[in-house]
Amino acid sequence: MHATTTASVDDERLPPRTPLSGWLAVVSVMSGIFVIVTTEILPIGLLTSIGSDFTVTDGMAGLMMTMPGFLAAVSAPLVTVATARYDRRLMLCVFVFLLALANFLAAVAPDYWLVLVSRVMVGITIGGFWSIGAGLAERLVPPASVGRATAVIFSAVPLGSVLGVPAGTLIGELAGWRTAFAIMGALTVGVLVMLILFVPPLPPAQATRLGVLSGLLRGATTRFALLLTFLVVLAHFGTYTYVTPFLEQVTHASGGLITTFLLIFGAAGILGNFLGGAWVGRYPRTVFGLAAALIAAVTLLLPALGRWEAGAVPLLIVWGIAYGAVPVASQTWFAKAAPHAPEAASVLFTASFQATISLGALTGGVLLDRSSPSAVMLLGGCVAVLAVLAVLAAGAHRVGPGRAARP
């Protein structure tokens, strides 16, 4: 079965593109991913205040992280296939509009179940926008600039952590968590305007089918990408989702200091993103393995050294650098496993990443309600160790991007 069905696209019918217009389109897509990432992880910094308002536990409040991940994992293949023959710009705009509605709904929700409904809408947006937007760079800029454009698009992930979570936490401290979601909704509307103005019409160049995805899953490299992504992302989000309760209860940091800590973490994530992006093309296995090893070390050491602010800060910096490299490493592994089907590879990347975010948040929340933030960190560290072992096994069997499994 062929990976894709190519649609006839007459590029001459599209408006002429200039370097400036191409990069404005790239920045618009990056901005879309930024507001999506920020909205998705915004509850991390507001977890305890939202839980208090609705009198739910921190673990129950963690459902705000679980819901989008599961919905994104399901919607990534279904929505991409269902909308495969629609203009990609139109679909990006639809998803961002849905995200704006979700943020405004969360801002005014009188009951916790309505907040969860808004998170379902966020999940659908993540699955659809990521699957389409992650691979658009090659259609927006000249071939020589595709690598840089892809790095710019993916820089939205750590940027969301740098600006989004700390800013949301600060706004929550000053004006309440509802204001944070309302401002996020207004920002999302601004991104919608950017997409309308700067992204050109993008008739579908390929129609991804469900059979394509099942075909990709038969490849050893793709299966290893799924395994590594599952273990590393499970370790990270099973712990980072509850880093605020940890810093409150174990480090005994104040609200303002926690905001600063999250800002430091996010800044380190930007550095990790660009370091990982620079090295992953040549050393994908090394980047993945080093990121997993550092996450394992940090989460295993935090219960002991994170009791003091002086111990927590350097560990958070290392953690941020390590995780910043994970999304670009995972996407690169998937893309190189299926160079003939870039959108299908993005679907698998999005679905696996988001499903694991949700499972990590759910697992960490259940453990937190039954034990302590330190126990959550230790469990995450053990999972990250498994990821390191998986990377070593991949090397032993010579499985990786551009390689096949050894018989």
Protein backbone atom coordinates (compact mmCIF):
# COMPACT_ATOMS: atom_id res chain seq x y z
CA MET A 1 0.00 0.00 0.00
CA HIS A 2 1.35 3.39 -0.87
CA ALA A 3 1.91 5.76 2.00
CA THR A 4 -0.01 8.60 0.48
CA THR A 5 -2.38 9.45 -2.29
CA THR A 6 -1.15 12.53 -4.09
CA ALA A 7 -3.66 15.15 -5.05
CA SER A 8 -3.17 17.35 -8.02
CA VAL A 9 -2.06 20.77 -6.90
CA ASP A 10 -1.33 23.52 -9.35
CA ASP A 11 1.20 25.70 -7.55
CA GLU A 12 0.80 28.38 -10.21
CA ARG A 13 -2.68 29.09 -8.90
CA LEU A 14 -1.24 30.11 -5.52
CA PRO A 15 -0.17 33.71 -4.83
CA PRO A 16 3.52 34.37 -5.55
CA ARG A 17 5.60 33.91 -2.42
CA THR A 18 8.45 36.14 -1.29
CA PRO A 19 11.00 35.27 1.42
CA LEU A 20 9.31 37.72 3.80
CA SER A 21 5.82 36.36 3.23
CA GLY A 22 7.11 32.81 3.67
CA TRP A 23 8.70 33.61 7.02
CA LEU A 24 5.60 35.51 8.17
CA ALA A 25 3.64 32.34 7.46
CA VAL A 26 6.19 30.27 9.43
CA VAL A 27 5.94 32.66 12.39
CA SER A 28 2.14 32.45 12.21
CA VAL A 29 2.22 28.64 12.39
CA MET A 30 4.76 28.87 15.22
CA SER A 31 2.44 31.28 17.03
CA GLY A 32 -0.41 28.80 16.61
CA ILE A 33 1.65 26.04 18.22
CA PHE A 34 2.73 28.47 20.94
CA VAL A 35 -0.83 29.27 22.02
CA ILE A 36 -1.74 25.58 21.81
CA VAL A 37 1.22 24.47 23.95
CA THR A 38 0.64 27.31 26.40
CA THR A 39 -3.06 26.52 26.73
CA GLU A 40 -2.33 22.82 27.15
CA ILE A 41 0.17 23.22 29.98
CA LEU A 42 -1.30 26.41 31.53
CA PRO A 43 -3.03 24.41 34.32
CA ILE A 44 0.37 23.20 35.62
CA GLY A 45 1.04 26.58 37.22
CA LEU A 46 -2.62 27.10 38.24
CA LEU A 47 -3.33 23.57 39.45
CA THR A 48 -3.71 24.24 43.15
CA SER A 49 -5.75 27.46 42.76
CA ILE A 50 -8.19 25.86 40.30
CA GLY A 51 -8.50 22.80 42.55
CA SER A 52 -9.20 25.03 45.54
CA ASP A 53 -11.91 27.00 43.74
CA PHE A 54 -13.78 23.83 42.75
CA THR A 55 -12.84 21.92 45.94
CA VAL A 56 -11.17 19.07 44.05
CA THR A 57 -7.86 17.38 44.87
CA ASP A 58 -4.63 18.14 43.04
CA GLY A 59 -4.85 14.71 41.43
CA MET A 60 -8.40 15.40 40.21
CA ALA A 61 -7.32 18.82 38.97
CA GLY A 62 -4.65 16.97 36.98
CA LEU A 63 -7.47 15.77 34.70
CA MET A 64 -7.08 19.15 33.01
CA MET A 65 -3.80 17.77 31.67
CA THR A 66 -5.14 14.27 31.06
CA MET A 67 -8.17 15.21 28.96
CA PRO A 68 -6.39 17.14 26.16
CA GLY A 69 -3.77 14.43 25.73
CA PHE A 70 -6.23 11.59 25.26
CA LEU A 71 -8.43 13.62 22.93
CA ALA A 72 -5.42 14.77 20.91
CA ALA A 73 -4.20 11.20 20.55
CA VAL A 74 -7.58 10.13 19.16
CA SER A 75 -8.24 13.22 17.06
CA ALA A 76 -4.78 13.36 15.44
CA PRO A 77 -5.39 10.45 13.05
CA LEU A 78 -9.18 10.81 12.78
CA VAL A 79 -9.31 14.55 12.15
CA THR A 80 -6.32 14.49 9.79
CA VAL A 81 -7.87 11.73 7.69
CA ALA A 82 -11.37 13.27 7.77
CA THR A 83 -10.08 16.68 6.64
CA ALA A 84 -7.37 15.39 4.30
CA ARG A 85 -8.89 17.04 1.20
CA TYR A 86 -9.59 20.45 2.74
CA ASP A 87 -7.30 23.46 2.41
CA ARG A 88 -4.74 23.21 5.23
CA ARG A 89 -4.90 26.94 6.02
CA LEU A 90 -8.65 26.69 6.51
CA MET A 91 -8.23 23.79 8.92
CA LEU A 92 -5.52 25.61 10.91
CA CYS A 93 -7.89 28.56 11.32
CA VAL A 94 -10.77 26.32 12.40
CA PHE A 95 -8.64 24.65 15.06
CA VAL A 96 -7.34 27.96 16.44
CA PHE A 97 -10.90 29.34 16.57
CA LEU A 98 -11.92 26.26 18.58
CA LEU A 99 -8.99 26.89 20.93
CA ALA A 100 -10.12 30.48 21.54
CA LEU A 101 -13.60 29.24 22.43
CA ALA A 102 -12.08 26.68 24.82
CA ASN A 103 -10.08 29.32 26.66
CA PHE A 104 -13.07 31.63 27.03
CA LEU A 105 -15.23 28.73 28.26
CA ALA A 106 -12.66 27.85 30.93
CA ALA A 107 -12.53 31.50 32.01
CA VAL A 108 -16.26 31.63 32.75
CA ALA A 109 -16.99 28.00 33.72
CA PRO A 110 -19.16 27.85 36.86
CA ASP A 111 -18.50 24.13 37.38
CA TYR A 112 -15.41 21.96 37.07
CA TRP A 113 -17.03 19.69 34.47
CA LEU A 114 -17.28 22.65 32.10
CA VAL A 115 -13.57 23.27 32.55
CA LEU A 116 -13.04 19.64 31.50
CA VAL A 117 -15.30 20.21 28.45
CA SER A 118 -13.04 23.10 27.47
CA ARG A 119 -10.07 20.77 27.80
CA VAL A 120 -11.74 18.32 25.40
CA MET A 121 -11.90 21.16 22.87
CA VAL A 122 -8.22 21.85 23.52
CA GLY A 123 -7.41 18.20 22.83
CA ILE A 124 -9.17 18.23 19.46
CA THR A 125 -7.27 21.38 18.53
CA ILE A 126 -3.93 19.87 19.51
CA GLY A 127 -4.49 16.71 17.48
CA GLY A 128 -5.59 18.54 14.34
CA PHE A 129 -3.28 21.58 14.33
CA TRP A 130 -0.11 19.72 15.31
CA SER A 131 -0.61 16.98 12.73
CA ILE A 132 -0.99 19.55 9.95
CA GLY A 133 1.30 22.33 11.16
CA ALA A 134 4.36 20.31 12.22
CA GLY A 135 5.29 19.46 8.65
CA LEU A 136 4.33 22.67 6.82
CA ALA A 137 7.75 24.32 6.71
CA GLU A 138 8.64 22.78 3.36
CA ARG A 139 5.53 24.34 1.80
CA LEU A 140 6.17 27.82 3.17
CA VAL A 141 9.86 28.54 2.56
CA PRO A 142 12.49 27.59 -0.06
CA PRO A 143 14.15 24.17 0.37
CA ALA A 144 17.37 25.70 1.73
CA SER A 145 15.42 27.28 4.61
CA VAL A 146 13.26 24.30 5.60
CA GLY A 147 15.57 23.21 8.43
CA ARG A 148 15.63 26.64 10.03
CA ALA A 149 11.88 27.08 9.53
CA THR A 150 11.19 23.74 11.22
CA ALA A 151 13.37 24.77 14.18
CA VAL A 152 11.43 28.05 14.42
CA ILE A 153 8.10 26.20 14.43
CA PHE A 154 9.27 23.78 17.13
CA SER A 155 10.73 26.58 19.23
CA ALA A 156 7.12 27.27 20.19
CA VAL A 157 7.23 24.25 22.51
CA PRO A 158 9.85 25.51 24.99
CA LEU A 159 8.71 29.09 24.38
CA GLY A 160 5.29 28.08 25.69
CA SER A 161 6.99 26.87 28.85
CA VAL A 162 9.14 29.98 29.14
CA LEU A 163 6.44 32.58 28.67
CA GLY A 164 3.18 30.70 28.96
CA VAL A 165 3.29 28.81 32.25
CA PRO A 166 5.17 31.41 34.31
CA ALA A 167 3.10 34.27 32.86
CA GLY A 168 -0.11 32.32 33.48
CA THR A 169 1.01 31.56 37.02
CA LEU A 170 1.86 35.22 37.65
CA ILE A 171 -1.49 36.41 36.24
CA GLY A 172 -3.21 33.78 38.38
CA GLU A 173 -1.43 35.11 41.45
CA LEU A 174 -2.33 38.74 40.67
CA ALA A 175 -5.80 38.51 39.11
CA GLY A 176 -7.02 34.92 39.43
CA TRP A 177 -6.76 31.86 37.21
CA ARG A 178 -9.87 32.82 35.19
CA THR A 179 -8.14 35.98 34.02
CA ALA A 180 -5.21 33.89 32.81
CA PHE A 181 -7.52 31.83 30.57
CA ALA A 182 -9.36 34.95 29.35
CA ILE A 183 -6.07 36.60 28.31
CA MET A 184 -5.04 33.34 26.64
CA GLY A 185 -8.31 33.42 24.68
CA ALA A 186 -7.66 36.97 23.49
CA LEU A 187 -4.12 36.05 22.46
CA THR A 188 -5.49 33.09 20.51
CA VAL A 189 -7.83 35.38 18.58
CA GLY A 190 -4.78 37.45 17.63
CA VAL A 191 -3.06 34.33 16.29
CA LEU A 192 -6.17 33.51 14.27
CA VAL A 193 -5.88 36.90 12.59
CA MET A 194 -2.21 36.20 11.81
CA LEU A 195 -3.07 32.88 10.18
CA ILE A 196 -5.74 34.51 8.03
CA LEU A 197 -3.45 37.34 6.93
CA PHE A 198 -0.10 35.62 6.44
CA VAL A 199 -0.59 31.92 5.64
CA PRO A 200 -1.31 31.34 1.94
CA PRO A 201 -3.97 28.93 0.67
CA LEU A 202 -2.58 25.41 1.07
CA PRO A 203 -4.50 22.89 -1.02
CA PRO A 204 -3.78 19.38 0.27
CA ALA A 205 -0.74 17.92 -1.45
CA GLN A 206 -1.32 14.48 0.07
CA ALA A 207 -4.33 12.63 1.41
CA THR A 208 -3.29 10.60 4.44
CA ARG A 209 -5.28 7.40 4.98
CA LEU A 210 -5.64 5.24 8.09
CA GLY A 211 -3.99 2.38 6.20
CA VAL A 212 -0.88 4.52 5.85
CA LEU A 213 -0.53 4.75 9.62
CA SER A 214 -0.85 1.02 10.16
CA GLY A 215 1.77 0.50 7.45
CA LEU A 216 4.21 2.81 9.21
CA LEU A 217 3.71 0.93 12.47
CA ARG A 218 5.17 -2.18 10.88
CA GLY A 219 8.59 -0.50 10.61
CA ALA A 220 11.12 -1.22 13.37
CA THR A 221 12.33 2.39 13.44
CA THR A 222 8.80 3.71 13.92
CA ARG A 223 8.12 1.22 16.71
CA PHE A 224 11.28 2.28 18.53
CA ALA A 225 10.27 5.93 18.09
CA LEU A 226 6.94 5.11 19.73
CA LEU A 227 8.62 3.26 22.60
CA LEU A 228 11.18 5.96 23.31
CA THR A 229 8.62 8.75 23.05
CA PHE A 230 6.28 6.86 25.38
CA LEU A 231 8.90 6.32 28.09
CA VAL A 232 10.53 9.76 28.03
CA VAL A 233 7.28 11.74 27.83
CA LEU A 234 5.65 9.53 30.49
CA ALA A 235 8.57 10.20 32.83
CA HIS A 236 8.49 13.94 32.17
CA PHE A 237 4.77 14.70 32.36
CA GLY A 238 4.14 12.22 35.15
CA THR A 239 6.39 14.45 37.23
CA TYR A 240 6.41 17.96 35.73
CA THR A 241 2.60 18.18 35.83
CA TYR A 242 2.91 18.14 39.63
CA VAL A 243 6.07 20.22 40.00
CA THR A 244 4.04 23.05 41.57
CA PRO A 245 2.76 20.85 44.47
CA PHE A 246 6.34 19.55 44.88
CA LEU A 247 7.81 23.05 45.10
CA GLU A 248 5.08 24.09 47.53
CA GLN A 249 5.14 21.07 49.83
CA VAL A 250 8.74 19.86 49.64
CA THR A 251 10.82 22.91 48.70
CA HIS A 252 8.41 25.22 50.61
CA ALA A 253 8.80 27.91 47.94
CA SER A 254 6.44 30.88 47.79
CA GLY A 255 4.06 31.48 44.90
CA GLY A 256 6.24 34.22 43.41
CA LEU A 257 9.35 32.07 43.69
CA ILE A 258 7.62 29.15 41.99
CA THR A 259 6.83 31.44 39.05
CA THR A 260 10.52 32.33 38.86
CA PHE A 261 11.51 28.66 39.02
CA LEU A 262 9.15 27.82 36.15
CA LEU A 263 10.56 30.70 34.13
CA ILE A 264 14.09 29.37 34.67
CA PHE A 265 12.93 25.90 33.65
CA GLY A 266 11.40 27.25 30.45
CA ALA A 267 14.48 29.32 29.55
CA ALA A 268 16.58 26.18 29.93
CA GLY A 269 14.06 24.41 27.68
CA ILE A 270 14.69 26.90 24.87
CA LEU A 271 18.41 26.21 25.13
CA GLY A 272 17.73 22.47 25.07
CA ASN A 273 15.50 22.84 22.02
CA PHE A 274 18.18 24.53 19.94
CA LEU A 275 20.96 22.26 21.19
CA GLY A 276 18.86 19.22 20.41
CA GLY A 277 17.88 20.63 17.03
CA ALA A 278 21.55 21.21 16.16
CA TRP A 279 22.63 17.67 17.05
CA VAL A 280 19.62 15.44 16.46
CA GLY A 281 20.10 15.23 12.70
CA ARG A 282 23.50 13.57 13.14
CA TYR A 283 23.09 11.90 16.53
CA PRO A 284 19.39 11.13 17.07
CA ARG A 285 20.00 8.19 19.42
CA THR A 286 22.54 10.10 21.49
CA VAL A 287 20.24 13.11 21.89
CA PHE A 288 17.33 10.91 22.95
CA GLY A 289 19.47 8.87 25.34
CA LEU A 290 21.15 11.87 26.94
CA ALA A 291 17.82 13.64 27.44
CA ALA A 292 16.35 10.54 29.10
CA ALA A 293 19.41 10.08 31.32
CA LEU A 294 19.32 13.69 32.52
CA ILE A 295 15.56 13.54 33.24
CA ALA A 296 16.16 10.31 35.20
CA ALA A 297 18.96 11.87 37.23
CA VAL A 298 17.01 15.03 38.03
CA THR A 299 13.75 13.37 39.09
CA LEU A 300 15.58 10.79 41.22
CA LEU A 301 17.65 13.49 42.94
CA LEU A 302 14.87 16.05 43.50
CA PRO A 303 13.30 14.35 46.57
CA ALA A 304 16.68 14.61 48.32
CA LEU A 305 18.21 17.82 46.95
CA GLY A 306 14.96 19.63 46.13
CA ARG A 307 14.22 20.22 49.79
CA TRP A 308 16.25 23.41 49.47
CA GLU A 309 15.86 26.16 46.91
CA ALA A 310 19.60 26.05 46.19
CA GLY A 311 19.26 22.38 45.28
CA ALA A 312 16.01 22.67 43.30
CA VAL A 313 17.13 25.44 40.94
CA PRO A 314 20.13 23.73 39.27
CA LEU A 315 18.14 20.51 38.94
CA LEU A 316 15.30 22.40 37.24
CA ILE A 317 17.81 23.96 34.82
CA VAL A 318 19.20 20.56 33.85
CA TRP A 319 15.66 19.18 33.57
CA GLY A 320 14.63 22.03 31.28
CA ILE A 321 17.61 21.56 28.98
CA ALA A 322 16.97 17.80 28.81
CA TYR A 323 13.27 18.01 28.06
CA GLY A 324 13.72 20.87 25.58
CA ALA A 325 15.46 18.43 23.25
CA VAL A 326 12.77 15.73 23.49
CA PRO A 327 10.07 17.04 21.07
CA VAL A 328 12.51 17.80 18.25
CA ALA A 329 14.28 14.45 18.82
CA SER A 330 11.01 12.54 18.71
CA GLN A 331 9.68 14.37 15.64
CA THR A 332 12.99 13.89 13.81
CA TRP A 333 12.99 10.15 14.56
CA PHE A 334 9.43 9.78 13.23
CA ALA A 335 10.12 11.94 10.16
CA LYS A 336 13.23 10.00 9.19
CA ALA A 337 11.37 6.72 9.69
CA ALA A 338 8.81 7.81 7.05
CA PRO A 339 10.35 10.39 4.67
CA HIS A 340 7.79 9.39 2.01
CA ALA A 341 4.82 10.32 4.25
CA PRO A 342 5.63 13.46 6.28
CA GLU A 343 2.06 14.24 7.37
CA ALA A 344 1.46 10.62 8.41
CA ALA A 345 4.69 10.74 10.44
CA SER A 346 3.46 13.95 12.11
CA VAL A 347 0.17 12.23 12.96
CA LEU A 348 2.00 9.36 14.69
CA PHE A 349 4.27 11.81 16.51
CA THR A 350 1.32 13.90 17.70
CA ALA A 351 -0.84 10.94 18.73
CA SER A 352 1.89 9.14 20.65
CA PHE A 353 3.19 12.31 22.31
CA GLN A 354 -0.25 13.50 23.41
CA ALA A 355 -1.48 10.10 24.58
CA THR A 356 1.58 9.79 26.76
CA ILE A 357 1.21 13.33 28.17
CA SER A 358 -2.28 12.38 29.28
CA LEU A 359 -1.24 9.00 30.70
CA GLY A 360 1.67 10.60 32.54
CA ALA A 361 -0.55 13.28 34.08
CA LEU A 362 -3.13 10.65 35.07
CA THR A 363 -0.58 8.26 36.58
CA GLY A 364 1.18 11.04 38.47
CA GLY A 365 -2.14 12.38 39.77
CA VAL A 366 -3.28 8.99 41.07
CA LEU A 367 0.06 8.46 42.81
CA LEU A 368 0.06 12.00 44.23
CA ASP A 369 -3.37 11.54 45.81
CA ARG A 370 -2.19 8.31 47.45
CA SER A 371 1.35 9.21 48.44
CA SER A 372 3.45 12.36 48.05
CA PRO A 373 5.09 14.62 45.44
CA SER A 374 8.45 12.99 46.21
CA ALA A 375 7.06 9.54 45.37
CA VAL A 376 5.84 10.94 42.03
CA MET A 377 9.36 12.16 41.24
CA LEU A 378 10.91 8.81 42.11
CA LEU A 379 8.49 6.89 39.91
CA GLY A 380 9.17 9.25 37.01
CA GLY A 381 12.90 8.73 37.48
CA CYS A 382 12.49 4.95 37.26
CA VAL A 383 10.53 5.29 34.02
CA ALA A 384 13.23 7.55 32.57
CA VAL A 385 15.82 4.88 33.43
CA LEU A 386 13.78 2.45 31.32
CA ALA A 387 13.98 4.95 28.46
CA VAL A 388 17.78 4.99 28.74
CA LEU A 389 17.82 1.18 28.60
CA ALA A 390 15.58 1.29 25.51
CA VAL A 391 18.00 3.67 23.77
CA LEU A 392 20.88 1.31 24.56
CA ALA A 393 18.84 -1.61 23.20
CA ALA A 394 18.13 0.36 20.02
CA GLY A 395 21.86 0.86 19.56
CA ALA A 396 22.59 -2.82 20.17
CA HIS A 397 20.05 -3.85 17.53
CA ARG A 398 21.10 -1.03 15.17
CA VAL A 399 17.61 0.41 14.99
CA GLY A 400 17.25 4.11 14.38
CA PRO A 401 16.49 6.76 11.76
CA GLY A 402 17.68 5.57 8.39
CA ARG A 403 18.40 2.04 9.62
CA ALA A 404 16.48 -1.19 9.65
CA ALA A 405 16.31 -3.78 12.37
CA ARG A 406 19.13 -6.27 12.24
CA PRO A 407 17.82 -9.78 11.48
